[in-house]
PDB file of all heavy atoms in Angstrom:
ATOM      1  N   ALA A   1      65.569-192.626 -39.798  1.00  0.00           N
ATOM      2  CA  ALA A   1      64.828-191.394 -40.070  1.00  0.00           C
ATOM      3  C   ALA A   1      65.763-190.192 -40.154  1.00  0.00           C
ATOM      4  O   ALA A   1      65.640-189.359 -41.038  1.00  0.00           O
ATOM      5  CB  ALA A   1      63.766-191.164 -38.999  1.00  0.00           C
ATOM      6  N   GLU A   2      66.740-190.118 -39.259  1.00  0.00           N
ATOM      7  CA  GLU A   2      67.660-188.974 -39.289  1.00  0.00           C
ATOM      8  C   GLU A   2      68.523-189.012 -40.545  1.00  0.00           C
ATOM      9  O   GLU A   2      68.814-187.991 -41.138  1.00  0.00           O
ATOM     10  CB  GLU A   2      68.595-188.967 -38.074  1.00  0.00           C
ATOM     11  CG  GLU A   2      67.949-189.169 -36.724  1.00  0.00           C
ATOM     12  CD  GLU A   2      67.681-190.634 -36.399  1.00  0.00           C
ATOM     13  OE1 GLU A   2      68.612-191.462 -36.424  1.00  0.00           O
ATOM     14  OE2 GLU A   2      66.516-190.951 -36.117  1.00  0.00           O
ATOM     15  N   ALA A   3      68.923-190.201 -40.959  1.00  0.00           N
ATOM     16  CA  ALA A   3      69.791-190.328 -42.120  1.00  0.00           C
ATOM     17  C   ALA A   3      69.054-189.958 -43.395  1.00  0.00           C
ATOM     18  O   ALA A   3      69.644-189.430 -44.329  1.00  0.00           O
ATOM     19  CB  ALA A   3      70.342-191.744 -42.212  1.00  0.00           C
ATOM     20  N   GLN A   4      67.742-190.233 -43.452  1.00  0.00           N
ATOM     21  CA  GLN A   4      66.976-189.880 -44.634  1.00  0.00           C
ATOM     22  C   GLN A   4      66.948-188.376 -44.829  1.00  0.00           C
ATOM     23  O   GLN A   4      66.865-187.896 -45.947  1.00  0.00           O
ATOM     24  CB  GLN A   4      65.546-190.404 -44.520  1.00  0.00           C
ATOM     25  CG  GLN A   4      65.453-191.897 -44.698  1.00  0.00           C
ATOM     26  CD  GLN A   4      64.018-192.374 -44.567  1.00  0.00           C
ATOM     27  OE1 GLN A   4      63.161-191.665 -44.062  1.00  0.00           O
ATOM     28  NE2 GLN A   4      63.774-193.578 -45.019  1.00  0.00           N
ATOM     29  N   GLN A   5      67.025-187.634 -43.737  1.00  0.00           N
ATOM     30  CA  GLN A   5      66.968-186.186 -43.825  1.00  0.00           C
ATOM     31  C   GLN A   5      68.359-185.577 -43.923  1.00  0.00           C
ATOM     32  O   GLN A   5      68.509-184.381 -44.077  1.00  0.00           O
ATOM     33  CB  GLN A   5      66.260-185.630 -42.591  1.00  0.00           C
ATOM     34  CG  GLN A   5      64.843-186.133 -42.472  1.00  0.00           C
ATOM     35  CD  GLN A   5      64.260-185.853 -41.102  1.00  0.00           C
ATOM     36  OE1 GLN A   5      64.891-185.260 -40.254  1.00  0.00           O
ATOM     37  NE2 GLN A   5      63.044-186.300 -40.889  1.00  0.00           N
ATOM     38  N   SER A   6      69.376-186.396 -43.850  1.00  0.00           N
ATOM     39  CA  SER A   6      70.746-185.915 -43.803  1.00  0.00           C
ATOM     40  C   SER A   6      71.472-186.180 -45.108  1.00  0.00           C
ATOM     41  O   SER A   6      71.204-187.138 -45.809  1.00  0.00           O
ATOM     42  CB  SER A   6      71.492-186.618 -42.665  1.00  0.00           C
ATOM     43  OG  SER A   6      72.873-186.363 -42.751  1.00  0.00           O
ATOM     44  N   GLU A   7      72.429-185.334 -45.417  1.00  0.00           N
ATOM     45  CA  GLU A   7      73.290-185.527 -46.576  1.00  0.00           C
ATOM     46  C   GLU A   7      74.396-186.516 -46.261  1.00  0.00           C
ATOM     47  O   GLU A   7      75.133-186.917 -47.133  1.00  0.00           O
ATOM     48  CB  GLU A   7      73.923-184.189 -46.988  1.00  0.00           C
ATOM     49  CG  GLU A   7      72.931-183.193 -47.522  1.00  0.00           C
ATOM     50  CD  GLU A   7      72.377-183.594 -48.872  1.00  0.00           C
ATOM     51  OE1 GLU A   7      73.164-183.989 -49.747  1.00  0.00           O
ATOM     52  OE2 GLU A   7      71.152-183.532 -49.036  1.00  0.00           O
ATOM     53  N   GLN A   8      74.537-186.931 -45.020  1.00  0.00           N
ATOM     54  CA  GLN A   8      75.679-187.733 -44.602  1.00  0.00           C
ATOM     55  C   GLN A   8      75.348-189.207 -44.420  1.00  0.00           C
ATOM     56  O   GLN A   8      75.832-189.843 -43.503  1.00  0.00           O
ATOM     57  CB  GLN A   8      76.270-187.160 -43.312  1.00  0.00           C
ATOM     58  CG  GLN A   8      76.779-185.745 -43.461  1.00  0.00           C
ATOM     59  CD  GLN A   8      77.817-185.625 -44.552  1.00  0.00           C
ATOM     60  OE1 GLN A   8      78.722-186.436 -44.654  1.00  0.00           O
ATOM     61  NE2 GLN A   8      77.666-184.617 -45.388  1.00  0.00           N
ATOM     62  N   LEU A   9      74.521-189.784 -45.277  1.00  0.00           N
ATOM     63  CA  LEU A   9      74.215-191.204 -45.187  1.00  0.00           C
ATOM     64  C   LEU A   9      75.394-192.003 -45.725  1.00  0.00           C
ATOM     65  O   LEU A   9      75.983-191.644 -46.731  1.00  0.00           O
ATOM     66  CB  LEU A   9      72.965-191.519 -45.996  1.00  0.00           C
ATOM     67  CG  LEU A   9      72.538-192.979 -46.008  1.00  0.00           C
ATOM     68  CD1 LEU A   9      72.186-193.426 -44.588  1.00  0.00           C
ATOM     69  CD2 LEU A   9      71.358-193.167 -46.914  1.00  0.00           C
ATOM     70  N   PHE A  10      75.721-193.088 -45.058  1.00  0.00           N
ATOM     71  CA  PHE A  10      76.824-193.950 -45.444  1.00  0.00           C
ATOM     72  C   PHE A  10      78.086-193.088 -45.522  1.00  0.00           C
ATOM     73  O   PHE A  10      78.405-192.395 -44.597  1.00  0.00           O
ATOM     74  CB  PHE A  10      76.542-194.683 -46.759  1.00  0.00           C
ATOM     75  CG  PHE A  10      75.149-195.229 -46.852  1.00  0.00           C
ATOM     76  CD1 PHE A  10      74.260-194.773 -47.797  1.00  0.00           C
ATOM     77  CD2 PHE A  10      74.710-196.174 -45.955  1.00  0.00           C
ATOM     78  CE1 PHE A  10      72.975-195.266 -47.868  1.00  0.00           C
ATOM     79  CE2 PHE A  10      73.427-196.680 -46.014  1.00  0.00           C
ATOM     80  CZ  PHE A  10      72.563-196.214 -46.973  1.00  0.00           C
ATOM     81  N   HIS A  11      78.766-193.097 -46.662  1.00  0.00           N
ATOM     82  CA  HIS A  11      79.913-192.211 -46.862  1.00  0.00           C
ATOM     83  C   HIS A  11      79.442-190.962 -47.587  1.00  0.00           C
ATOM     84  O   HIS A  11      80.230-190.212 -48.120  1.00  0.00           O
ATOM     85  CB  HIS A  11      81.000-192.907 -47.667  1.00  0.00           C
ATOM     86  CG  HIS A  11      81.504-194.149 -47.017  1.00  0.00           C
ATOM     87  ND1 HIS A  11      82.092-194.156 -45.788  1.00  0.00           N
ATOM     88  CD2 HIS A  11      81.464-195.424 -47.427  1.00  0.00           C
ATOM     89  CE1 HIS A  11      82.408-195.386 -45.468  1.00  0.00           C
ATOM     90  NE2 HIS A  11      82.043-196.173 -46.444  1.00  0.00           N
ATOM     91  N   GLY A  12      78.154-190.773 -47.656  1.00  0.00           N
ATOM     92  CA  GLY A  12      77.553-189.658 -48.376  1.00  0.00           C
ATOM     93  C   GLY A  12      76.991-190.150 -49.693  1.00  0.00           C
ATOM     94  O   GLY A  12      77.611-190.960 -50.382  1.00  0.00           O
ATOM     95  N   TRP A  13      75.823-189.675 -50.027  1.00  0.00           N
ATOM     96  CA  TRP A  13      75.207-190.060 -51.292  1.00  0.00           C
ATOM     97  C   TRP A  13      76.090-189.708 -52.472  1.00  0.00           C
ATOM     98  O   TRP A  13      76.179-190.465 -53.437  1.00  0.00           O
ATOM     99  CB  TRP A  13      73.841-189.387 -51.435  1.00  0.00           C
ATOM    100  CG  TRP A  13      72.790-189.987 -50.547  1.00  0.00           C
ATOM    101  CD1 TRP A  13      72.281-189.449 -49.396  1.00  0.00           C
ATOM    102  CD2 TRP A  13      72.127-191.242 -50.712  1.00  0.00           C
ATOM    103  NE1 TRP A  13      71.343-190.292 -48.844  1.00  0.00           N
ATOM    104  CE2 TRP A  13      71.229-191.403 -49.642  1.00  0.00           C
ATOM    105  CE3 TRP A  13      72.208-192.243 -51.675  1.00  0.00           C
ATOM    106  CZ2 TRP A  13      70.410-192.517 -49.497  1.00  0.00           C
ATOM    107  CZ3 TRP A  13      71.389-193.361 -51.535  1.00  0.00           C
ATOM    108  CH2 TRP A  13      70.519-193.486 -50.454  1.00  0.00           C
ATOM    109  N   GLN A  14      76.736-188.547 -52.384  1.00  0.00           N
ATOM    110  CA  GLN A  14      77.576-188.105 -53.505  1.00  0.00           C
ATOM    111  C   GLN A  14      78.685-189.113 -53.782  1.00  0.00           C
ATOM    112  O   GLN A  14      78.977-189.427 -54.929  1.00  0.00           O
ATOM    113  CB  GLN A  14      78.178-186.723 -53.204  1.00  0.00           C
ATOM    114  CG  GLN A  14      78.868-186.099 -54.391  1.00  0.00           C
ATOM    115  CD  GLN A  14      77.901-185.839 -55.534  1.00  0.00           C
ATOM    116  OE1 GLN A  14      76.814-185.299 -55.314  1.00  0.00           O
ATOM    117  NE2 GLN A  14      78.277-186.222 -56.733  1.00  0.00           N
ATOM    118  N   ALA A  15      79.295-189.642 -52.736  1.00  0.00           N
ATOM    119  CA  ALA A  15      80.365-190.631 -52.915  1.00  0.00           C
ATOM    120  C   ALA A  15      79.828-191.902 -53.561  1.00  0.00           C
ATOM    121  O   ALA A  15      80.498-192.525 -54.390  1.00  0.00           O
ATOM    122  CB  ALA A  15      81.010-190.954 -51.571  1.00  0.00           C
ATOM    123  N   LEU A  16      78.611-192.302 -53.188  1.00  0.00           N
ATOM    124  CA  LEU A  16      78.028-193.490 -53.797  1.00  0.00           C
ATOM    125  C   LEU A  16      77.775-193.284 -55.281  1.00  0.00           C
ATOM    126  O   LEU A  16      78.027-194.160 -56.098  1.00  0.00           O
ATOM    127  CB  LEU A  16      76.708-193.856 -53.095  1.00  0.00           C
ATOM    128  CG  LEU A  16      76.815-194.373 -51.664  1.00  0.00           C
ATOM    129  CD1 LEU A  16      75.432-194.572 -51.072  1.00  0.00           C
ATOM    130  CD2 LEU A  16      77.616-195.656 -51.614  1.00  0.00           C
ATOM    131  N   VAL A  17      77.289-192.107 -55.625  1.00  0.00           N
ATOM    132  CA  VAL A  17      76.950-191.811 -57.017  1.00  0.00           C
ATOM    133  C   VAL A  17      78.193-191.646 -57.878  1.00  0.00           C
ATOM    134  O   VAL A  17      78.240-192.106 -59.008  1.00  0.00           O
ATOM    135  CB  VAL A  17      76.057-190.551 -57.088  1.00  0.00           C
ATOM    136  CG1 VAL A  17      75.896-190.062 -58.517  1.00  0.00           C
ATOM    137  CG2 VAL A  17      74.707-190.834 -56.456  1.00  0.00           C
ATOM    138  N   SER A  18      79.223-191.012 -57.347  1.00  0.00           N
ATOM    139  CA  SER A  18      80.395-190.686 -58.162  1.00  0.00           C
ATOM    140  C   SER A  18      81.413-191.813 -58.259  1.00  0.00           C
ATOM    141  O   SER A  18      82.388-191.684 -58.986  1.00  0.00           O
ATOM    142  CB  SER A  18      81.075-189.433 -57.605  1.00  0.00           C
ATOM    143  OG  SER A  18      81.587-189.704 -56.307  1.00  0.00           O
ATOM    144  N   GLY A  19      81.185-192.917 -57.595  1.00  0.00           N
ATOM    145  CA  GLY A  19      82.174-193.990 -57.573  1.00  0.00           C
ATOM    146  C   GLY A  19      82.332-194.768 -58.862  1.00  0.00           C
ATOM    147  O   GLY A  19      83.353-195.404 -59.080  1.00  0.00           O
ATOM    148  N   GLY A  20      81.339-194.760 -59.741  1.00  0.00           N
ATOM    149  CA  GLY A  20      81.444-195.498 -60.988  1.00  0.00           C
ATOM    150  C   GLY A  20      81.459-197.007 -60.791  1.00  0.00           C
ATOM    151  O   GLY A  20      82.114-197.730 -61.531  1.00  0.00           O
ATOM    152  N   HIS A  21      80.758-197.484 -59.803  1.00  0.00           N
ATOM    153  CA  HIS A  21      80.770-198.899 -59.463  1.00  0.00           C
ATOM    154  C   HIS A  21      79.336-199.389 -59.257  1.00  0.00           C
ATOM    155  O   HIS A  21      78.409-198.596 -59.157  1.00  0.00           O
ATOM    156  CB  HIS A  21      81.612-199.140 -58.208  1.00  0.00           C
ATOM    157  CG  HIS A  21      81.349-198.153 -57.117  1.00  0.00           C
ATOM    158  ND1 HIS A  21      81.632-198.380 -55.821  1.00  0.00           N
ATOM    159  CD2 HIS A  21      80.794-196.912 -57.139  1.00  0.00           C
ATOM    160  CE1 HIS A  21      81.291-197.329 -55.090  1.00  0.00           C
ATOM    161  NE2 HIS A  21      80.789-196.444 -55.870  1.00  0.00           N
ATOM    162  N   THR A  22      79.200-200.689 -59.188  1.00  0.00           N
ATOM    163  CA  THR A  22      77.887-201.273 -58.928  1.00  0.00           C
ATOM    164  C   THR A  22      77.533-201.057 -57.463  1.00  0.00           C
ATOM    165  O   THR A  22      78.353-201.293 -56.579  1.00  0.00           O
ATOM    166  CB  THR A  22      77.914-202.785 -59.240  1.00  0.00           C
ATOM    167  OG1 THR A  22      78.288-202.974 -60.603  1.00  0.00           O
ATOM    168  CG2 THR A  22      76.558-203.415 -58.983  1.00  0.00           C
ATOM    169  N   LEU A  23      76.313-200.621 -57.230  1.00  0.00           N
ATOM    170  CA  LEU A  23      75.825-200.439 -55.866  1.00  0.00           C
ATOM    171  C   LEU A  23      74.832-201.550 -55.553  1.00  0.00           C
ATOM    172  O   LEU A  23      73.926-201.813 -56.344  1.00  0.00           O
ATOM    173  CB  LEU A  23      75.119-199.087 -55.711  1.00  0.00           C
ATOM    174  CG  LEU A  23      75.955-197.845 -55.977  1.00  0.00           C
ATOM    175  CD1 LEU A  23      75.073-196.596 -55.888  1.00  0.00           C
ATOM    176  CD2 LEU A  23      77.111-197.761 -55.012  1.00  0.00           C
ATOM    177  N   VAL A  24      75.004-202.185 -54.417  1.00  0.00           N
ATOM    178  CA  VAL A  24      74.075-203.212 -53.956  1.00  0.00           C
ATOM    179  C   VAL A  24      73.549-202.766 -52.601  1.00  0.00           C
ATOM    180  O   VAL A  24      74.311-202.610 -51.653  1.00  0.00           O
ATOM    181  CB  VAL A  24      74.761-204.591 -53.815  1.00  0.00           C
ATOM    182  CG1 VAL A  24      73.775-205.616 -53.251  1.00  0.00           C
ATOM    183  CG2 VAL A  24      75.330-205.051 -55.145  1.00  0.00           C
ATOM    184  N   PHE A  25      72.244-202.524 -52.539  1.00  0.00           N
ATOM    185  CA  PHE A  25      71.609-202.141 -51.290  1.00  0.00           C
ATOM    186  C   PHE A  25      70.958-203.382 -50.693  1.00  0.00           C
ATOM    187  O   PHE A  25      70.101-203.991 -51.316  1.00  0.00           O
ATOM    188  CB  PHE A  25      70.547-201.055 -51.513  1.00  0.00           C
ATOM    189  CG  PHE A  25      71.131-199.723 -51.836  1.00  0.00           C
ATOM    190  CD1 PHE A  25      71.425-199.370 -53.147  1.00  0.00           C
ATOM    191  CD2 PHE A  25      71.406-198.816 -50.827  1.00  0.00           C
ATOM    192  CE1 PHE A  25      71.972-198.145 -53.445  1.00  0.00           C
ATOM    193  CE2 PHE A  25      71.956-197.588 -51.114  1.00  0.00           C
ATOM    194  CZ  PHE A  25      72.245-197.249 -52.431  1.00  0.00           C
ATOM    195  N   TYR A  26      71.390-203.748 -49.495  1.00  0.00           N
ATOM    196  CA  TYR A  26      70.812-204.882 -48.789  1.00  0.00           C
ATOM    197  C   TYR A  26      69.552-204.444 -48.076  1.00  0.00           C
ATOM    198  O   TYR A  26      69.523-203.372 -47.480  1.00  0.00           O
ATOM    199  CB  TYR A  26      71.790-205.383 -47.718  1.00  0.00           C
ATOM    200  CG  TYR A  26      72.820-206.359 -48.198  1.00  0.00           C
ATOM    201  CD1 TYR A  26      73.809-205.969 -49.093  1.00  0.00           C
ATOM    202  CD2 TYR A  26      72.821-207.660 -47.737  1.00  0.00           C
ATOM    203  CE1 TYR A  26      74.772-206.864 -49.509  1.00  0.00           C
ATOM    204  CE2 TYR A  26      73.784-208.559 -48.150  1.00  0.00           C
ATOM    205  CZ  TYR A  26      74.748-208.160 -49.034  1.00  0.00           C
ATOM    206  OH  TYR A  26      75.699-209.044 -49.450  1.00  0.00           O
ATOM    207  N   MET A  27      68.542-205.274 -48.097  1.00  0.00           N
ATOM    208  CA  MET A  27      67.315-205.057 -47.335  1.00  0.00           C
ATOM    209  C   MET A  27      66.728-203.688 -47.635  1.00  0.00           C
ATOM    210  O   MET A  27      66.246-202.996 -46.747  1.00  0.00           O
ATOM    211  CB  MET A  27      67.580-205.225 -45.827  1.00  0.00           C
ATOM    212  CG  MET A  27      68.187-206.570 -45.485  1.00  0.00           C
ATOM    213  SD  MET A  27      69.177-206.571 -43.972  1.00  0.00           S
ATOM    214  CE  MET A  27      70.589-205.585 -44.418  1.00  0.00           C
ATOM    215  N   GLY A  28      66.734-203.306 -48.892  1.00  0.00           N
ATOM    216  CA  GLY A  28      66.303-201.969 -49.262  1.00  0.00           C
ATOM    217  C   GLY A  28      64.914-201.881 -49.851  1.00  0.00           C
ATOM    218  O   GLY A  28      64.501-200.814 -50.295  1.00  0.00           O
ATOM    219  N   LEU A  29      64.181-202.984 -49.867  1.00  0.00           N
ATOM    220  CA  LEU A  29      62.883-202.996 -50.522  1.00  0.00           C
ATOM    221  C   LEU A  29      61.943-201.927 -49.966  1.00  0.00           C
ATOM    222  O   LEU A  29      61.326-201.188 -50.721  1.00  0.00           O
ATOM    223  CB  LEU A  29      62.242-204.379 -50.388  1.00  0.00           C
ATOM    224  CG  LEU A  29      61.022-204.647 -51.247  1.00  0.00           C
ATOM    225  CD1 LEU A  29      61.335-204.451 -52.721  1.00  0.00           C
ATOM    226  CD2 LEU A  29      60.522-206.063 -51.012  1.00  0.00           C
ATOM    227  N   ASN A  30      61.862-201.807 -48.648  1.00  0.00           N
ATOM    228  CA  ASN A  30      60.959-200.816 -48.048  1.00  0.00           C
ATOM    229  C   ASN A  30      61.467-199.391 -48.197  1.00  0.00           C
ATOM    230  O   ASN A  30      60.718-198.451 -47.972  1.00  0.00           O
ATOM    231  CB  ASN A  30      60.734-201.131 -46.568  1.00  0.00           C
ATOM    232  CG  ASN A  30      59.952-202.404 -46.379  1.00  0.00           C
ATOM    233  OD1 ASN A  30      59.129-202.761 -47.219  1.00  0.00           O
ATOM    234  ND2 ASN A  30      60.198-203.118 -45.291  1.00  0.00           N
ATOM    235  N   GLN A  31      62.735-199.247 -48.572  1.00  0.00           N
ATOM    236  CA  GLN A  31      63.318-197.921 -48.721  1.00  0.00           C
ATOM    237  C   GLN A  31      63.641-197.598 -50.177  1.00  0.00           C
ATOM    238  O   GLN A  31      64.359-196.638 -50.459  1.00  0.00           O
ATOM    239  CB  GLN A  31      64.603-197.818 -47.884  1.00  0.00           C
ATOM    240  CG  GLN A  31      64.381-197.962 -46.398  1.00  0.00           C
ATOM    241  CD  GLN A  31      63.587-196.803 -45.834  1.00  0.00           C
ATOM    242  OE1 GLN A  31      63.610-195.696 -46.357  1.00  0.00           O
ATOM    243  NE2 GLN A  31      62.859-197.046 -44.764  1.00  0.00           N
ATOM    244  N   ALA A  32      63.123-198.397 -51.110  1.00  0.00           N
ATOM    245  CA  ALA A  32      63.473-198.225 -52.528  1.00  0.00           C
ATOM    246  C   ALA A  32      63.223-196.803 -53.022  1.00  0.00           C
ATOM    247  O   ALA A  32      64.054-196.235 -53.743  1.00  0.00           O
ATOM    248  CB  ALA A  32      62.714-199.240 -53.380  1.00  0.00           C
ATOM    249  N   SER A  33      62.109-196.197 -52.638  1.00  0.00           N
ATOM    250  CA  SER A  33      61.800-194.832 -53.094  1.00  0.00           C
ATOM    251  C   SER A  33      62.827-193.832 -52.580  1.00  0.00           C
ATOM    252  O   SER A  33      63.305-192.985 -53.334  1.00  0.00           O
ATOM    253  CB  SER A  33      60.406-194.414 -52.637  1.00  0.00           C
ATOM    254  OG  SER A  33      59.432-195.207 -53.251  1.00  0.00           O
ATOM    255  N   ALA A  34      63.171-193.922 -51.307  1.00  0.00           N
ATOM    256  CA  ALA A  34      64.151-193.003 -50.724  1.00  0.00           C
ATOM    257  C   ALA A  34      65.527-193.207 -51.349  1.00  0.00           C
ATOM    258  O   ALA A  34      66.242-192.232 -51.621  1.00  0.00           O
ATOM    259  CB  ALA A  34      64.223-193.184 -49.209  1.00  0.00           C
TER     260      ALA A  34
END
């Protein structure tokens, strides 16, 4: 819950988006919208 409200999830959402690589989210079905 805290991470959903934070910009600092994982290494940061921005880092995930800007990497230019395939992203695989494990066990993400219930969090697909977020």
